N, C-alpha and C. Protein backbone atom coordinates (compact mmCIF):
# COMPACT_ATOMS: atom_id res chain seq x y z
N MET A 1 8.53 -0.29 4.14
CA MET A 1 8.45 -0.13 2.70
C MET A 1 7.07 0.28 2.25
N SER A 2 6.96 1.07 1.18
CA SER A 2 5.90 1.75 0.80
C SER A 2 5.57 1.26 -0.85
N ARG A 3 4.25 1.34 -1.13
CA ARG A 3 4.11 1.09 -2.52
C ARG A 3 3.04 1.92 -2.93
N GLU A 4 3.00 2.07 -4.24
CA GLU A 4 2.05 3.39 -4.76
C GLU A 4 0.58 2.61 -4.74
N ILE A 5 -0.32 3.47 -4.28
CA ILE A 5 -1.87 3.14 -4.33
C ILE A 5 -2.25 4.29 -5.25
N LYS A 6 -2.72 3.96 -6.31
CA LYS A 6 -3.59 4.61 -7.24
C LYS A 6 -4.55 3.74 -7.73
N PHE A 7 -5.47 4.92 -8.21
CA PHE A 7 -6.89 4.26 -8.75
C PHE A 7 -7.35 5.06 -9.82
N ARG A 8 -8.01 4.52 -11.06
CA ARG A 8 -8.67 5.04 -11.91
C ARG A 8 -10.00 5.02 -11.89
N VAL A 9 -10.56 5.96 -12.35
CA VAL A 9 -12.42 6.07 -12.19
C VAL A 9 -13.03 6.15 -13.58
N TRP A 10 -13.80 4.95 -13.68
CA TRP A 10 -14.78 4.93 -14.67
C TRP A 10 -16.21 5.59 -14.35
N ASP A 11 -16.64 6.45 -15.23
CA ASP A 11 -17.75 7.11 -14.93
C ASP A 11 -18.97 6.33 -15.76
N LYS A 12 -19.79 5.76 -15.08
CA LYS A 12 -20.85 4.89 -15.78
C LYS A 12 -21.89 5.68 -16.48
N THR A 13 -21.87 7.00 -16.03
CA THR A 13 -23.16 7.74 -16.63
C THR A 13 -22.59 8.27 -17.94
N THR A 14 -21.25 8.82 -18.21
CA THR A 14 -20.92 9.38 -19.17
C THR A 14 -20.23 8.34 -20.14
N GLY A 15 -19.81 7.33 -19.63
CA GLY A 15 -19.04 6.35 -20.46
C GLY A 15 -17.48 6.66 -20.92
N TYR A 16 -16.99 7.53 -19.83
CA TYR A 16 -15.49 7.99 -20.24
C TYR A 16 -14.93 8.01 -18.52
N TRP A 17 -13.61 7.75 -18.90
CA TRP A 17 -12.75 8.07 -17.61
C TRP A 17 -12.67 9.29 -17.09
N SER A 18 -12.78 9.39 -15.67
CA SER A 18 -12.87 10.75 -15.12
C SER A 18 -11.65 11.20 -14.51
N GLU A 19 -11.23 12.46 -14.72
CA GLU A 19 -10.10 12.97 -13.74
C GLU A 19 -10.38 13.76 -12.73
N GLY A 20 -9.50 13.84 -11.91
CA GLY A 20 -9.78 15.18 -10.71
C GLY A 20 -10.60 14.79 -9.85
N ILE A 21 -11.10 13.54 -9.60
CA ILE A 21 -11.74 13.22 -8.80
C ILE A 21 -11.56 12.98 -7.31
N THR A 22 -12.12 13.90 -6.32
CA THR A 22 -11.82 13.93 -4.86
C THR A 22 -12.30 12.79 -4.29
N LEU A 23 -11.92 12.12 -3.36
CA LEU A 23 -12.20 11.17 -2.76
C LEU A 23 -12.17 11.39 -1.34
N THR A 24 -13.05 10.69 -0.43
CA THR A 24 -13.02 11.28 0.99
C THR A 24 -12.60 9.97 2.04
N LEU A 25 -11.44 9.93 2.31
CA LEU A 25 -11.11 8.30 3.46
C LEU A 25 -11.50 8.83 4.85
N HIS A 26 -12.19 7.89 5.23
CA HIS A 26 -12.75 7.90 6.72
C HIS A 26 -11.24 7.31 7.28
N MET A 27 -11.44 7.83 8.81
CA MET A 27 -10.55 7.31 9.86
C MET A 27 -10.10 5.89 9.71
N SER A 28 -11.15 4.85 9.65
CA SER A 28 -11.39 3.55 9.23
C SER A 28 -10.56 3.09 8.14
N GLY A 29 -10.77 3.99 6.98
CA GLY A 29 -9.46 3.53 6.00
C GLY A 29 -10.66 3.45 4.88
N ARG A 30 -11.98 3.28 5.02
CA ARG A 30 -12.77 2.95 3.98
C ARG A 30 -13.10 4.54 3.19
N LEU A 31 -13.49 4.70 1.96
CA LEU A 31 -13.82 5.41 1.03
C LEU A 31 -15.33 5.69 1.74
N ILE A 32 -15.43 6.97 1.76
CA ILE A 32 -17.09 7.67 1.82
C ILE A 32 -17.53 8.59 0.96
N ASN A 33 -18.91 8.45 0.64
CA ASN A 33 -19.40 9.17 -0.51
C ASN A 33 -18.96 8.96 -1.63
N VAL A 34 -18.76 7.89 -2.13
CA VAL A 34 -18.50 7.74 -3.55
C VAL A 34 -19.58 7.48 -4.44
N PRO A 35 -20.02 8.18 -5.46
CA PRO A 35 -21.40 8.44 -6.28
C PRO A 35 -21.31 7.00 -7.08
N PRO A 36 -22.57 6.25 -6.78
CA PRO A 36 -22.57 4.95 -7.39
C PRO A 36 -22.26 4.76 -8.77
N SER A 37 -22.37 5.97 -9.63
CA SER A 37 -21.75 6.03 -11.15
C SER A 37 -20.49 5.94 -11.48
N LEU A 38 -19.75 6.17 -10.29
CA LEU A 38 -18.37 5.91 -10.29
C LEU A 38 -17.83 4.45 -10.15
N VAL A 39 -17.04 3.86 -10.67
CA VAL A 39 -16.26 2.64 -10.76
C VAL A 39 -14.82 2.91 -10.21
N LEU A 40 -14.35 2.52 -9.18
CA LEU A 40 -13.01 2.59 -8.85
C LEU A 40 -12.14 1.39 -9.31
N GLN A 41 -10.86 1.47 -9.94
CA GLN A 41 -10.29 0.35 -10.21
C GLN A 41 -8.65 0.87 -9.74
N GLN A 42 -8.27 0.07 -8.91
CA GLN A 42 -6.97 0.16 -8.39
C GLN A 42 -5.71 -0.55 -9.43
N TYR A 43 -4.67 0.08 -8.90
CA TYR A 43 -3.55 -0.24 -9.72
C TYR A 43 -2.84 -1.31 -9.09
N THR A 44 -2.60 -2.47 -9.76
CA THR A 44 -1.91 -3.54 -9.01
C THR A 44 -0.51 -3.50 -8.78
N GLY A 45 0.10 -2.58 -9.06
CA GLY A 45 1.66 -2.55 -8.72
C GLY A 45 2.36 -2.75 -9.75
N LEU A 46 1.79 -3.46 -10.76
CA LEU A 46 2.93 -4.05 -11.90
C LEU A 46 2.65 -3.45 -12.97
N LYS A 47 3.65 -3.42 -13.88
CA LYS A 47 3.58 -3.06 -15.28
C LYS A 47 3.64 -4.17 -16.12
N ASP A 48 3.16 -3.79 -17.44
CA ASP A 48 3.17 -4.67 -18.65
C ASP A 48 4.40 -4.88 -19.19
N LYS A 49 4.57 -5.68 -20.32
CA LYS A 49 6.07 -5.68 -21.03
C LYS A 49 6.61 -4.44 -21.70
N GLU A 50 5.62 -3.52 -21.81
CA GLU A 50 5.67 -2.28 -22.50
C GLU A 50 5.71 -1.35 -21.66
N GLY A 51 5.76 -1.57 -20.02
CA GLY A 51 5.72 -0.35 -19.22
C GLY A 51 4.18 0.22 -18.93
N LYS A 52 3.46 -0.19 -19.22
CA LYS A 52 2.10 0.30 -18.78
C LYS A 52 1.51 -0.10 -17.53
N GLU A 53 0.97 0.55 -16.75
CA GLU A 53 0.35 0.09 -15.50
C GLU A 53 -0.69 -0.78 -15.93
N VAL A 54 -0.66 -1.60 -15.00
CA VAL A 54 -1.88 -2.81 -15.06
C VAL A 54 -2.81 -2.57 -13.61
N TYR A 55 -4.04 -2.42 -14.23
CA TYR A 55 -5.02 -1.84 -13.27
C TYR A 55 -6.61 -2.97 -13.39
N GLU A 56 -6.96 -3.49 -12.34
CA GLU A 56 -8.12 -4.22 -12.07
C GLU A 56 -8.92 -3.85 -13.05
N GLY A 57 -9.66 -4.53 -13.90
CA GLY A 57 -10.48 -4.15 -14.90
C GLY A 57 -9.83 -4.18 -16.22
N ASP A 58 -8.56 -4.18 -16.37
CA ASP A 58 -8.03 -4.50 -17.56
C ASP A 58 -8.07 -5.85 -18.00
N ILE A 59 -7.95 -5.51 -19.68
CA ILE A 59 -7.86 -7.01 -20.33
C ILE A 59 -6.29 -7.09 -20.82
N VAL A 60 -5.70 -7.99 -20.35
CA VAL A 60 -4.64 -8.22 -20.76
C VAL A 60 -4.52 -9.52 -21.75
N ARG A 61 -3.39 -9.66 -22.64
CA ARG A 61 -3.09 -10.72 -23.33
C ARG A 61 -1.75 -11.40 -22.70
N SER A 62 -1.85 -12.75 -22.74
CA SER A 62 -0.39 -13.44 -21.87
C SER A 62 -0.25 -14.98 -22.93
N HIS A 63 1.24 -15.03 -22.49
CA HIS A 63 1.45 -16.30 -23.33
C HIS A 63 1.62 -17.30 -22.29
N ASN A 64 1.20 -18.64 -22.52
CA ASN A 64 1.78 -19.62 -21.69
C ASN A 64 3.09 -20.33 -21.77
N VAL A 65 3.93 -20.25 -20.64
CA VAL A 65 5.33 -20.91 -20.53
C VAL A 65 5.19 -22.43 -20.93
N PHE A 66 4.13 -23.19 -20.88
CA PHE A 66 4.68 -24.63 -21.02
C PHE A 66 3.87 -24.94 -22.46
N ALA A 67 3.09 -23.83 -22.87
CA ALA A 67 2.58 -24.44 -24.67
C ALA A 67 2.58 -23.11 -25.26
N PRO A 68 2.68 -23.39 -26.64
CA PRO A 68 2.96 -21.99 -27.38
C PRO A 68 1.37 -21.30 -27.56
N THR A 69 0.65 -21.20 -26.58
CA THR A 69 -0.71 -20.46 -26.71
C THR A 69 -0.54 -19.16 -26.29
N THR A 70 -1.62 -18.37 -26.75
CA THR A 70 -1.73 -17.00 -25.96
C THR A 70 -3.34 -16.96 -25.45
N HIS A 71 -3.51 -16.18 -24.24
CA HIS A 71 -4.64 -16.18 -23.50
C HIS A 71 -5.14 -14.83 -23.21
N ILE A 72 -6.45 -14.57 -23.50
CA ILE A 72 -6.85 -13.26 -23.04
C ILE A 72 -7.68 -13.35 -21.65
N PHE A 73 -7.19 -12.28 -20.59
CA PHE A 73 -7.38 -12.56 -19.26
C PHE A 73 -8.46 -11.08 -18.89
N GLU A 74 -9.20 -11.11 -17.97
CA GLU A 74 -9.54 -9.83 -17.48
C GLU A 74 -8.57 -9.84 -15.95
N VAL A 75 -8.45 -8.75 -15.37
CA VAL A 75 -7.45 -8.45 -14.29
C VAL A 75 -8.63 -8.25 -13.13
N PHE A 76 -8.86 -8.64 -12.17
CA PHE A 76 -9.74 -8.54 -11.01
C PHE A 76 -9.19 -8.85 -9.33
N TRP A 77 -9.85 -8.04 -8.75
CA TRP A 77 -9.37 -8.31 -7.11
C TRP A 77 -10.56 -9.20 -6.49
N ARG A 78 -9.79 -10.32 -5.95
CA ARG A 78 -10.28 -11.21 -5.22
C ARG A 78 -10.49 -11.16 -3.86
N GLU A 79 -11.27 -10.22 -3.10
CA GLU A 79 -11.49 -10.14 -1.58
C GLU A 79 -10.94 -11.35 -0.92
N LYS A 80 -11.50 -12.77 -1.20
CA LYS A 80 -11.10 -13.51 -0.24
C LYS A 80 -9.90 -14.24 -0.05
N PHE A 81 -8.91 -14.04 -1.04
CA PHE A 81 -7.80 -14.15 -1.11
C PHE A 81 -6.84 -12.86 -0.94
N ALA A 82 -7.34 -11.47 -1.06
CA ALA A 82 -6.54 -10.49 -0.97
C ALA A 82 -5.38 -10.39 -1.85
N GLY A 83 -6.14 -10.45 -3.29
CA GLY A 83 -5.04 -10.13 -4.29
C GLY A 83 -5.61 -10.23 -5.55
N PHE A 84 -4.92 -9.80 -6.47
CA PHE A 84 -5.23 -9.77 -7.85
C PHE A 84 -5.10 -10.96 -8.81
N PHE A 85 -6.21 -11.06 -9.67
CA PHE A 85 -5.80 -12.53 -10.21
C PHE A 85 -6.43 -12.25 -11.84
N LEU A 86 -5.95 -13.19 -12.65
CA LEU A 86 -6.51 -13.18 -14.01
C LEU A 86 -7.50 -14.08 -14.09
N LYS A 87 -8.42 -13.79 -15.02
CA LYS A 87 -9.73 -14.64 -15.23
C LYS A 87 -9.59 -14.81 -16.68
N GLU A 88 -9.72 -15.98 -17.34
CA GLU A 88 -9.75 -16.00 -18.84
C GLU A 88 -11.02 -15.52 -19.46
N MET A 89 -11.08 -14.60 -20.51
CA MET A 89 -12.04 -14.08 -20.90
C MET A 89 -12.93 -15.09 -21.77
N GLY A 90 -14.03 -15.23 -21.68
CA GLY A 90 -14.86 -16.10 -22.33
C GLY A 90 -15.17 -17.57 -22.05
N LYS A 91 -14.57 -18.00 -20.56
CA LYS A 91 -14.21 -18.95 -20.21
C LYS A 91 -15.32 -18.91 -18.76
N GLN A 92 -15.94 -20.02 -18.13
CA GLN A 92 -16.82 -20.04 -16.96
C GLN A 92 -16.07 -19.28 -16.07
N ASP A 93 -16.67 -18.70 -15.15
CA ASP A 93 -15.72 -18.26 -14.06
C ASP A 93 -15.56 -18.93 -12.79
N GLU A 94 -14.72 -19.80 -12.79
CA GLU A 94 -14.33 -20.96 -11.71
C GLU A 94 -12.88 -20.59 -11.19
N GLN A 95 -13.20 -20.80 -9.76
CA GLN A 95 -11.68 -20.68 -8.80
C GLN A 95 -10.52 -21.30 -9.63
N ASN A 96 -10.70 -22.53 -9.99
CA ASN A 96 -9.95 -23.34 -10.27
C ASN A 96 -9.12 -22.89 -11.71
N THR A 97 -9.77 -22.23 -12.28
CA THR A 97 -9.27 -21.53 -13.55
C THR A 97 -8.66 -20.04 -13.58
N TRP A 98 -8.57 -19.61 -12.37
CA TRP A 98 -7.81 -18.01 -11.90
C TRP A 98 -6.31 -18.31 -11.82
N VAL A 99 -5.56 -17.30 -12.36
CA VAL A 99 -4.43 -17.48 -12.22
C VAL A 99 -4.13 -15.80 -11.24
N GLU A 100 -3.25 -16.48 -10.23
CA GLU A 100 -2.89 -15.42 -9.38
C GLU A 100 -1.89 -14.23 -10.01
N LEU A 101 -2.30 -12.86 -10.06
CA LEU A 101 -1.45 -12.12 -11.03
C LEU A 101 -0.21 -11.89 -10.27
N MET A 102 0.01 -11.96 -9.24
CA MET A 102 1.15 -11.45 -8.28
C MET A 102 2.19 -12.37 -8.25
N HIS A 103 1.94 -13.83 -8.38
CA HIS A 103 3.01 -14.41 -8.57
C HIS A 103 3.12 -15.10 -10.22
N GLY A 104 2.12 -14.44 -11.02
CA GLY A 104 2.33 -14.93 -12.45
C GLY A 104 2.08 -16.32 -12.92
N GLY A 105 1.66 -16.97 -11.89
CA GLY A 105 1.16 -18.32 -12.68
C GLY A 105 1.82 -18.73 -13.67
N ASN A 106 1.33 -19.39 -15.03
CA ASN A 106 2.03 -20.04 -16.04
C ASN A 106 2.08 -18.60 -17.00
N VAL A 107 2.16 -17.44 -16.66
CA VAL A 107 2.05 -16.85 -17.94
C VAL A 107 3.30 -15.88 -17.88
N THR A 108 3.38 -15.55 -19.13
CA THR A 108 4.44 -14.74 -19.49
C THR A 108 4.44 -13.36 -20.44
N ASP A 109 5.19 -12.33 -20.47
CA ASP A 109 4.77 -11.57 -21.28
C ASP A 109 3.57 -10.52 -21.45
N LEU A 110 3.34 -10.24 -20.23
CA LEU A 110 1.95 -9.80 -19.98
C LEU A 110 1.84 -8.42 -20.66
N GLU A 111 0.49 -8.00 -21.47
CA GLU A 111 0.52 -7.08 -22.41
C GLU A 111 -1.40 -6.36 -22.36
N VAL A 112 -1.31 -5.39 -21.93
CA VAL A 112 -2.58 -4.61 -21.73
C VAL A 112 -2.95 -4.45 -23.11
N ILE A 113 -4.30 -4.78 -23.23
CA ILE A 113 -4.55 -4.47 -24.73
C ILE A 113 -6.13 -4.14 -24.45
N GLY A 114 -6.78 -3.52 -23.29
CA GLY A 114 -7.71 -2.90 -23.33
C GLY A 114 -8.24 -2.76 -21.86
N ASN A 115 -9.88 -2.69 -21.64
CA ASN A 115 -10.23 -2.70 -20.27
C ASN A 115 -11.77 -2.96 -20.64
N ILE A 116 -12.26 -3.64 -19.48
CA ILE A 116 -14.05 -4.21 -19.54
C ILE A 116 -14.83 -3.33 -19.89
N TYR A 117 -14.60 -2.02 -19.81
CA TYR A 117 -15.57 -0.90 -20.23
C TYR A 117 -15.47 -0.41 -21.46
N GLU A 118 -14.05 -0.38 -21.94
CA GLU A 118 -14.24 0.16 -23.57
C GLU A 118 -14.27 -0.99 -24.13
N ASP A 119 -13.61 -2.15 -24.09
CA ASP A 119 -13.27 -3.17 -24.93
C ASP A 119 -13.88 -4.73 -24.30
N GLY A 120 -15.16 -4.39 -23.43
CA GLY A 120 -15.62 -5.62 -22.94
C GLY A 120 -15.91 -6.81 -23.95
N GLU A 121 -16.01 -6.42 -25.33
CA GLU A 121 -16.62 -7.48 -26.20
C GLU A 121 -15.38 -8.61 -26.68
N MET A 122 -13.91 -7.99 -26.23
CA MET A 122 -13.01 -8.79 -26.56
C MET A 122 -13.11 -10.34 -26.30
């Protein structure tokens, strides 16, 4: 079984997305020589309701299936659980409030509406 492994790159120095970045992968599987000004964001393997790829660092809007409410989340990687999660924007960052992205939790109709670098004030 194969899956698509992709990254996008935010350059903190220029404040723009970078293209054509060459990264070096060590035999151990670790990236080496990544400039500290670059932030790598991995593709989750999922697409939103419009077919847009969902990356860590994205800001997404979602509807709760158990109540007629809409929530805004940040997509992030949680090393301890080896998975992507949703963290509600504007709420205290606590583990019991995270929603595991791969299983969808209580959310439907996921829609990418921005990212933490260009739209962090949402």
